[in-house]
Amino acid sequence: MSDQFKNHAIGVDGPAVGALAVVPSNTDDLAQAIRAITIGGEGGAVSFISSRDGQTYTTGFLPVGTYPLCARRIRLTGTTATLITGWI
């Protein structure tokens, strides 16, 4: 099936165009910046470096679910949530 929308820009509130498994790291950025995460295992906190301002942020407890979050890195230190998927 052809994609009639492939030449259209996708806004920040549009659908994801890809996904990647997230391996939290204190030193390595993700292969690509993400705009949302899904926590699929144990809920918990997520510590991340923003792809927008480069600052480090840590959420409170997040239950299993999907959350908008612009990040270039998910940090190992401070992240207790598991089975994280990053949405592009």
PDB file of N, CA and C in Angstrom:
ATOM      1  N   MET A   1       0.838  -1.164   0.000  1.00  0.00           N
ATOM      2  CA  MET A   1       0.000   0.000   0.000  1.00  0.00           C
ATOM      3  C   MET A   1       0.890   1.236   0.000  1.00  0.00           C
ATOM      4  N   SER A   2       0.563   2.210  -0.807  1.00  0.00           N
ATOM      5  CA  SER A   2       1.352   3.436  -0.834  1.00  0.00           C
ATOM      6  C   SER A   2       0.929   4.352   0.312  1.00  0.00           C
ATOM      7  N   ASP A   3       1.849   5.208   0.730  1.00  0.00           N
ATOM      8  CA  ASP A   3       1.592   6.155   1.819  1.00  0.00           C
ATOM      9  C   ASP A   3       1.361   7.522   1.210  1.00  0.00           C
ATOM     10  N   GLN A   4       0.121   7.930   1.113  1.00  0.00           N
ATOM     11  CA  GLN A   4      -0.201   9.212   0.486  1.00  0.00           C
ATOM     12  C   GLN A   4       0.239  10.416   1.322  1.00  0.00           C
ATOM     13  N   PHE A   5       0.671  10.169   2.557  1.00  0.00           N
ATOM     14  CA  PHE A   5       1.079  11.264   3.438  1.00  0.00           C
ATOM     15  C   PHE A   5       2.588  11.359   3.625  1.00  0.00           C
ATOM     16  N   LYS A   6       3.370  10.546   2.938  1.00  0.00           N
ATOM     17  CA  LYS A   6       4.813  10.484   3.185  1.00  0.00           C
ATOM     18  C   LYS A   6       5.541  11.796   2.925  1.00  0.00           C
ATOM     19  N   ASN A   7       4.998  12.678   2.128  1.00  0.00           N
ATOM     20  CA  ASN A   7       5.651  13.955   1.837  1.00  0.00           C
ATOM     21  C   ASN A   7       5.120  15.101   2.685  1.00  0.00           C
ATOM     22  N   HIS A   8       4.274  14.782   3.661  1.00  0.00           N
ATOM     23  CA  HIS A   8       3.720  15.799   4.556  1.00  0.00           C
ATOM     24  C   HIS A   8       4.524  15.843   5.847  1.00  0.00           C
ATOM     25  N   ALA A   9       4.706  17.045   6.368  1.00  0.00           N
ATOM     26  CA  ALA A   9       5.382  17.192   7.663  1.00  0.00           C
ATOM     27  C   ALA A   9       4.471  16.653   8.766  1.00  0.00           C
ATOM     28  N   ILE A  10       5.089  16.071   9.777  1.00  0.00           N
ATOM     29  CA  ILE A  10       4.337  15.570  10.927  1.00  0.00           C
ATOM     30  C   ILE A  10       4.577  16.514  12.095  1.00  0.00           C
ATOM     31  N   GLY A  11       3.517  17.073  12.623  1.00  0.00           N
ATOM     32  CA  GLY A  11       3.620  17.978  13.753  1.00  0.00           C
ATOM     33  C   GLY A  11       3.938  17.234  15.036  1.00  0.00           C
ATOM     34  N   VAL A  12       4.258  17.983  16.078  1.00  0.00           N
ATOM     35  CA  VAL A  12       4.610  17.363  17.354  1.00  0.00           C
ATOM     36  C   VAL A  12       3.457  16.595  17.976  1.00  0.00           C
ATOM     37  N   ASP A  13       2.241  16.905  17.567  1.00  0.00           N
ATOM     38  CA  ASP A  13       1.094  16.172  18.095  1.00  0.00           C
ATOM     39  C   ASP A  13       0.615  15.086  17.137  1.00  0.00           C
ATOM     40  N   GLY A  14       1.388  14.841  16.084  1.00  0.00           N
ATOM     41  CA  GLY A  14       1.048  13.811  15.110  1.00  0.00           C
ATOM     42  C   GLY A  14       1.492  12.435  15.569  1.00  0.00           C
ATOM     43  N   PRO A  15       1.226  11.430  14.752  1.00  0.00           N
ATOM     44  CA  PRO A  15       1.575  10.058  15.125  1.00  0.00           C
ATOM     45  C   PRO A  15       3.076   9.811  15.078  1.00  0.00           C
ATOM     46  N   ALA A  16       3.525   8.821  15.796  1.00  0.00           N
ATOM     47  CA  ALA A  16       4.929   8.417  15.754  1.00  0.00           C
ATOM     48  C   ALA A  16       5.230   7.819  14.380  1.00  0.00           C
ATOM     49  N   VAL A  17       6.478   7.969  13.951  1.00  0.00           N
ATOM     50  CA  VAL A  17       6.889   7.409  12.662  1.00  0.00           C
ATOM     51  C   VAL A  17       7.884   6.272  12.838  1.00  0.00           C
ATOM     52  N   GLY A  18       8.237   5.984  14.086  1.00  0.00           N
ATOM     53  CA  GLY A  18       9.166   4.901  14.369  1.00  0.00           C
ATOM     54  C   GLY A  18       9.313   4.710  15.861  1.00  0.00           C
ATOM     55  N   ALA A  19      10.034   3.667  16.229  1.00  0.00           N
ATOM     56  CA  ALA A  19      10.224   3.353  17.646  1.00  0.00           C
ATOM     57  C   ALA A  19      11.585   2.710  17.837  1.00  0.00           C
ATOM     58  N   LEU A  20      12.089   2.770  19.060  1.00  0.00           N
ATOM     59  CA  LEU A  20      13.327   2.084  19.398  1.00  0.00           C
ATOM     60  C   LEU A  20      13.285   1.634  20.844  1.00  0.00           C
ATOM     61  N   ALA A  21      13.922   0.500  21.093  1.00  0.00           N
ATOM     62  CA  ALA A  21      14.048   0.022  22.472  1.00  0.00           C
ATOM     63  C   ALA A  21      15.031   0.940  23.186  1.00  0.00           C
ATOM     64  N   VAL A  22      14.699   1.327  24.396  1.00  0.00           N
ATOM     65  CA  VAL A  22      15.549   2.238  25.162  1.00  0.00           C
ATOM     66  C   VAL A  22      16.351   1.442  26.183  1.00  0.00           C
ATOM     67  N   VAL A  23      17.670   1.615  26.131  1.00  0.00           N
ATOM     68  CA  VAL A  23      18.568   1.059  27.138  1.00  0.00           C
ATOM     69  C   VAL A  23      19.123   2.255  27.907  1.00  0.00           C
ATOM     70  N   PRO A  24      18.648   2.475  29.137  1.00  0.00           N
ATOM     71  CA  PRO A  24      19.133   3.627  29.894  1.00  0.00           C
ATOM     72  C   PRO A  24      20.657   3.619  30.027  1.00  0.00           C
ATOM     73  N   SER A  25      21.260   4.803  29.886  1.00  0.00           N
ATOM     74  CA  SER A  25      22.714   4.956  29.957  1.00  0.00           C
ATOM     75  C   SER A  25      23.039   6.337  30.503  1.00  0.00           C
ATOM     76  N   ASN A  26      24.069   6.411  31.317  1.00  0.00           N
ATOM     77  CA  ASN A  26      24.525   7.711  31.808  1.00  0.00           C
ATOM     78  C   ASN A  26      25.452   8.405  30.824  1.00  0.00           C
ATOM     79  N   THR A  27      25.926   7.687  29.800  1.00  0.00           N
ATOM     80  CA  THR A  27      26.922   8.257  28.885  1.00  0.00           C
ATOM     81  C   THR A  27      26.517   8.288  27.415  1.00  0.00           C
ATOM     82  N   ASP A  28      25.616   7.419  26.982  1.00  0.00           N
ATOM     83  CA  ASP A  28      25.296   7.301  25.560  1.00  0.00           C
ATOM     84  C   ASP A  28      23.922   7.873  25.237  1.00  0.00           C
ATOM     85  N   ASP A  29      23.906   8.767  24.226  1.00  0.00           N
ATOM     86  CA  ASP A  29      22.636   9.273  23.730  1.00  0.00           C
ATOM     87  C   ASP A  29      21.920   8.170  22.962  1.00  0.00           C
ATOM     88  N   LEU A  30      20.618   8.328  22.806  1.00  0.00           N
ATOM     89  CA  LEU A  30      19.832   7.414  21.988  1.00  0.00           C
ATOM     90  C   LEU A  30      20.255   7.565  20.525  1.00  0.00           C
ATOM     91  N   ALA A  31      19.957   6.591  19.705  1.00  0.00           N
ATOM     92  CA  ALA A  31      20.298   6.649  18.281  1.00  0.00           C
ATOM     93  C   ALA A  31      19.606   7.831  17.607  1.00  0.00           C
ATOM     94  N   GLN A  32      18.454   8.200  18.128  1.00  0.00           N
ATOM     95  CA  GLN A  32      17.682   9.325  17.616  1.00  0.00           C
ATOM     96  C   GLN A  32      16.880   9.904  18.768  1.00  0.00           C
ATOM     97  N   ALA A  33      16.699  11.223  18.761  1.00  0.00           N
ATOM     98  CA  ALA A  33      15.885  11.848  19.801  1.00  0.00           C
ATOM     99  C   ALA A  33      14.460  11.303  19.722  1.00  0.00           C
ATOM    100  N   ILE A  34      13.830  11.166  20.876  1.00  0.00           N
ATOM    101  CA  ILE A  34      12.468  10.642  20.944  1.00  0.00           C
ATOM    102  C   ILE A  34      11.510  11.729  21.405  1.00  0.00           C
ATOM    103  N   ARG A  35      10.220  11.500  21.143  1.00  0.00           N
ATOM    104  CA  ARG A  35       9.216  12.478  21.559  1.00  0.00           C
ATOM    105  C   ARG A  35       8.160  11.896  22.478  1.00  0.00           C
ATOM    106  N   ALA A  36       8.301  10.627  22.784  1.00  0.00           N
ATOM    107  CA  ALA A  36       7.399   9.980  23.743  1.00  0.00           C
ATOM    108  C   ALA A  36       8.036   8.671  24.190  1.00  0.00           C
ATOM    109  N   ILE A  37       7.582   8.179  25.337  1.00  0.00           N
ATOM    110  CA  ILE A  37       8.025   6.871  25.820  1.00  0.00           C
ATOM    111  C   ILE A  37       6.815   6.041  26.201  1.00  0.00           C
ATOM    112  N   THR A  38       6.988   4.739  26.098  1.00  0.00           N
ATOM    113  CA  THR A  38       6.032   3.805  26.672  1.00  0.00           C
ATOM    114  C   THR A  38       6.779   2.981  27.702  1.00  0.00           C
ATOM    115  N   ILE A  39       6.225   2.904  28.900  1.00  0.00           N
ATOM    116  CA  ILE A  39       6.752   2.038  29.945  1.00  0.00           C
ATOM    117  C   ILE A  39       5.933   0.762  29.872  1.00  0.00           C
ATOM    118  N   GLY A  40       6.596  -0.349  29.559  1.00  0.00           N
ATOM    119  CA  GLY A  40       5.879  -1.595  29.354  1.00  0.00           C
ATOM    120  C   GLY A  40       6.082  -2.619  30.445  1.00  0.00           C
ATOM    121  N   GLY A  41       7.054  -2.382  31.326  1.00  0.00           N
ATOM    122  CA  GLY A  41       7.330  -3.329  32.409  1.00  0.00           C
ATOM    123  C   GLY A  41       6.858  -2.751  33.722  1.00  0.00           C
ATOM    124  N   GLU A  42       7.769  -2.642  34.647  1.00  0.00           N
ATOM    125  CA  GLU A  42       7.458  -2.036  35.946  1.00  0.00           C
ATOM    126  C   GLU A  42       7.408  -0.522  35.798  1.00  0.00           C
ATOM    127  N   GLY A  43       6.401   0.091  36.381  1.00  0.00           N
ATOM    128  CA  GLY A  43       6.362   1.540  36.417  1.00  0.00           C
ATOM    129  C   GLY A  43       7.466   2.056  37.316  1.00  0.00           C
ATOM    130  N   GLY A  44       7.764   3.339  37.214  1.00  0.00           N
ATOM    131  CA  GLY A  44       8.806   3.943  38.033  1.00  0.00           C
ATOM    132  C   GLY A  44       9.145   5.315  37.518  1.00  0.00           C
ATOM    133  N   ALA A  45      10.237   5.843  37.994  1.00  0.00           N
ATOM    134  CA  ALA A  45      10.710   7.158  37.571  1.00  0.00           C
ATOM    135  C   ALA A  45      11.535   7.030  36.292  1.00  0.00           C
ATOM    136  N   VAL A  46      11.607   8.131  35.539  1.00  0.00           N
ATOM    137  CA  VAL A  46      12.439   8.195  34.339  1.00  0.00           C
ATOM    138  C   VAL A  46      13.286   9.454  34.439  1.00  0.00           C
ATOM    139  N   SER A  47      14.595   9.292  34.362  1.00  0.00           N
ATOM    140  CA  SER A  47      15.521  10.414  34.343  1.00  0.00           C
ATOM    141  C   SER A  47      15.997  10.566  32.906  1.00  0.00           C
ATOM    142  N   PHE A  48      15.929  11.781  32.386  1.00  0.00           N
ATOM    143  CA  PHE A  48      16.273  11.977  30.974  1.00  0.00           C
ATOM    144  C   PHE A  48      16.955  13.312  30.743  1.00  0.00           C
ATOM    145  N   ILE A  49      17.681  13.387  29.633  1.00  0.00           N
ATOM    146  CA  ILE A  49      18.258  14.652  29.174  1.00  0.00           C
ATOM    147  C   ILE A  49      17.392  15.129  28.025  1.00  0.00           C
ATOM    148  N   SER A  50      16.852  16.325  28.174  1.00  0.00           N
ATOM    149  CA  SER A  50      15.950  16.889  27.187  1.00  0.00           C
ATOM    150  C   SER A  50      16.667  17.137  25.866  1.00  0.00           C
ATOM    151  N   SER A  51      15.998  16.791  24.767  1.00  0.00           N
ATOM    152  CA  SER A  51      16.549  17.097  23.452  1.00  0.00           C
ATOM    153  C   SER A  51      16.297  18.555  23.094  1.00  0.00           C
ATOM    154  N   ARG A  52      15.506  19.241  23.888  1.00  0.00           N
ATOM    155  CA  ARG A  52      15.192  20.648  23.631  1.00  0.00           C
ATOM    156  C   ARG A  52      16.184  21.599  24.290  1.00  0.00           C
ATOM    157  N   ASP A  53      16.444  21.408  25.588  1.00  0.00           N
ATOM    158  CA  ASP A  53      17.304  22.371  26.288  1.00  0.00           C
ATOM    159  C   ASP A  53      18.553  21.757  26.907  1.00  0.00           C
ATOM    160  N   GLY A  54      18.748  20.443  26.776  1.00  0.00           N
ATOM    161  CA  GLY A  54      19.948  19.787  27.294  1.00  0.00           C
ATOM    162  C   GLY A  54      19.969  19.604  28.799  1.00  0.00           C
ATOM    163  N   GLN A  55      18.898  19.982  29.481  1.00  0.00           N
ATOM    164  CA  GLN A  55      18.829  19.851  30.935  1.00  0.00           C
ATOM    165  C   GLN A  55      18.415  18.437  31.320  1.00  0.00           C
ATOM    166  N   THR A  56      18.788  18.033  32.528  1.00  0.00           N
ATOM    167  CA  THR A  56      18.401  16.732  33.052  1.00  0.00           C
ATOM    168  C   THR A  56      17.159  16.895  33.911  1.00  0.00           C
ATOM    169  N   TYR A  57      16.190  16.020  33.683  1.00  0.00           N
ATOM    170  CA  TYR A  57      14.933  16.021  34.426  1.00  0.00           C
ATOM    171  C   TYR A  57      14.651  14.606  34.908  1.00  0.00           C
ATOM    172  N   THR A  58      13.951  14.501  36.029  1.00  0.00           N
ATOM    173  CA  THR A  58      13.533  13.207  36.530  1.00  0.00           C
ATOM    174  C   THR A  58      12.054  13.299  36.887  1.00  0.00           C
ATOM    175  N   THR A  59      11.274  12.369  36.364  1.00  0.00           N
ATOM    176  CA  THR A  59       9.843  12.358  36.651  1.00  0.00           C
ATOM    177  C   THR A  59       9.602  11.772  38.038  1.00  0.00           C
ATOM    178  N   GLY A  60       8.406  11.909  38.527  1.00  0.00           N
ATOM    179  CA  GLY A  60       7.961  11.140  39.671  1.00  0.00           C
ATOM    180  C   GLY A  60       7.590   9.750  39.177  1.00  0.00           C
ATOM    181  N   PHE A  61       6.954   8.969  40.019  1.00  0.00           N
ATOM    182  CA  PHE A  61       6.537   7.628  39.633  1.00  0.00           C
ATOM    183  C   PHE A  61       5.550   7.711  38.473  1.00  0.00           C
ATOM    184  N   LEU A  62       5.817   6.946  37.410  1.00  0.00           N
ATOM    185  CA  LEU A  62       4.911   6.838  36.269  1.00  0.00           C
ATOM    186  C   LEU A  62       4.444   5.391  36.164  1.00  0.00           C
ATOM    187  N   PRO A  63       3.152   5.147  36.154  1.00  0.00           N
ATOM    188  CA  PRO A  63       2.675   3.779  35.953  1.00  0.00           C
ATOM    189  C   PRO A  63       2.871   3.361  34.492  1.00  0.00           C
ATOM    190  N   VAL A  64       2.689   2.077  34.216  1.00  0.00           N
ATOM    191  CA  VAL A  64       2.772   1.573  32.846  1.00  0.00           C
ATOM    192  C   VAL A  64       1.863   2.423  31.965  1.00  0.00           C
ATOM    193  N   GLY A  65       2.399   2.850  30.819  1.00  0.00           N
ATOM    194  CA  GLY A  65       1.624   3.692  29.910  1.00  0.00           C
ATOM    195  C   GLY A  65       2.545   4.458  28.982  1.00  0.00           C
ATOM    196  N   THR A  66       1.973   5.375  28.223  1.00  0.00           N
ATOM    197  CA  THR A  66       2.713   6.178  27.251  1.00  0.00           C
ATOM    198  C   THR A  66       2.660   7.637  27.659  1.00  0.00           C
ATOM    199  N   TYR A  67       3.831   8.312  27.534  1.00  0.00           N
ATOM    200  CA  TYR A  67       3.962   9.697  27.989  1.00  0.00           C
ATOM    201  C   TYR A  67       4.738  10.526  26.978  1.00  0.00           C
ATOM    202  N   PRO A  68       4.292  11.757  26.689  1.00  0.00           N
ATOM    203  CA  PRO A  68       5.079  12.641  25.827  1.00  0.00           C
ATOM    204  C   PRO A  68       6.335  13.063  26.586  1.00  0.00           C
ATOM    205  N   LEU A  69       7.467  12.989  25.919  1.00  0.00           N
ATOM    206  CA  LEU A  69       8.732  13.293  26.590  1.00  0.00           C
ATOM    207  C   LEU A  69       9.801  13.446  25.509  1.00  0.00           C
ATOM    208  N   CYS A  70      10.319  14.644  25.309  1.00  0.00           N
ATOM    209  CA  CYS A  70      11.366  14.880  24.306  1.00  0.00           C
ATOM    210  C   CYS A  70      12.719  14.650  24.960  1.00  0.00           C
ATOM    211  N   ALA A  71      13.435  13.635  24.497  1.00  0.00           N
ATOM    212  CA  ALA A  71      14.706  13.283  25.139  1.00  0.00           C
ATOM    213  C   ALA A  71      15.725  12.813  24.129  1.00  0.00           C
ATOM    214  N   ARG A  72      16.980  13.109  24.442  1.00  0.00           N
ATOM    215  CA  ARG A  72      18.086  12.565  23.638  1.00  0.00           C
ATOM    216  C   ARG A  72      18.776  11.415  24.365  1.00  0.00           C
ATOM    217  N   ARG A  73      18.542  11.326  25.703  1.00  0.00           N
ATOM    218  CA  ARG A  73      19.129  10.242  26.504  1.00  0.00           C
ATOM    219  C   ARG A  73      18.194   9.920  27.660  1.00  0.00           C
ATOM    220  N   ILE A  74      18.029   8.632  27.934  1.00  0.00           N
ATOM    221  CA  ILE A  74      17.352   8.180  29.145  1.00  0.00           C
ATOM    222  C   ILE A  74      18.468   7.708  30.071  1.00  0.00           C
ATOM    223  N   ARG A  75      18.588   8.351  31.210  1.00  0.00           N
ATOM    224  CA  ARG A  75      19.693   8.079  32.122  1.00  0.00           C
ATOM    225  C   ARG A  75      19.444   6.822  32.959  1.00  0.00           C
ATOM    226  N   LEU A  76      20.527   6.084  33.194  1.00  0.00           N
ATOM    227  CA  LEU A  76      20.460   4.900  34.053  1.00  0.00           C
ATOM    228  C   LEU A  76      20.224   5.328  35.501  1.00  0.00           C
ATOM    229  N   THR A  77      20.998   6.326  35.948  1.00  0.00           N
ATOM    230  CA  THR A  77      20.845   6.838  37.304  1.00  0.00           C
ATOM    231  C   THR A  77      19.519   7.577  37.409  1.00  0.00           C
ATOM    232  N   GLY A  78      18.659   7.148  38.276  1.00  0.00           N
ATOM    233  CA  GLY A  78      17.381   7.807  38.489  1.00  0.00           C
ATOM    234  C   GLY A  78      16.222   7.174  37.741  1.00  0.00           C
ATOM    235  N   THR A  79      16.516   6.260  36.813  1.00  0.00           N
ATOM    236  CA  THR A  79      15.440   5.590  36.080  1.00  0.00           C
ATOM    237  C   THR A  79      15.167   4.232  36.717  1.00  0.00           C
ATOM    238  N   THR A  80      13.925   4.055  37.172  1.00  0.00           N
ATOM    239  CA  THR A  80      13.532   2.782  37.773  1.00  0.00           C
ATOM    240  C   THR A  80      12.465   2.071  36.939  1.00  0.00           C
ATOM    241  N   ALA A  81      11.864   2.769  35.979  1.00  0.00           N
ATOM    242  CA  ALA A  81      10.874   2.153  35.085  1.00  0.00           C
ATOM    243  C   ALA A  81      11.610   1.152  34.180  1.00  0.00           C
ATOM    244  N   THR A  82      10.877   0.123  33.716  1.00  0.00           N
ATOM    245  CA  THR A  82      11.498  -0.911  32.889  1.00  0.00           C
ATOM    246  C   THR A  82      10.739  -1.106  31.586  1.00  0.00           C
ATOM    247  N   LEU A  83      11.415  -1.793  30.668  1.00  0.00           N
ATOM    248  CA  LEU A  83      10.871  -2.075  29.331  1.00  0.00           C
ATOM    249  C   LEU A  83      10.358  -0.793  28.664  1.00  0.00           C
ATOM    250  N   ILE A  84      11.281   0.147  28.458  1.00  0.00           N
ATOM    251  CA  ILE A  84      10.935   1.453  27.900  1.00  0.00           C
ATOM    252  C   ILE A  84      11.122   1.419  26.381  1.00  0.00           C
ATOM    253  N   THR A  85      10.102   1.901  25.686  1.00  0.00           N
ATOM    254  CA  THR A  85      10.168   2.092  24.238  1.00  0.00           C
ATOM    255  C   THR A  85      10.155   3.588  23.965  1.00  0.00           C
ATOM    256  N   GLY A  86      11.025   4.043  23.088  1.00  0.00           N
ATOM    257  CA  GLY A  86      11.052   5.439  22.682  1.00  0.00           C
ATOM    258  C   GLY A  86      10.353   5.604  21.342  1.00  0.00           C
ATOM    259  N   TRP A  87       9.517   6.619  21.215  1.00  0.00           N
ATOM    260  CA  TRP A  87       8.769   6.881  19.983  1.00  0.00           C
ATOM    261  C   TRP A  87       9.341   8.091  19.270  1.00  0.00           C
ATOM    262  N   ILE A  88       9.545   7.939  17.980  1.00  0.00           N
ATOM    263  CA  ILE A  88      10.160   8.981  17.149  1.00  0.00           C
ATOM    264  C   ILE A  88       9.064   9.695  16.374  1.00  0.00           C
TER     265      ILE A  88
END
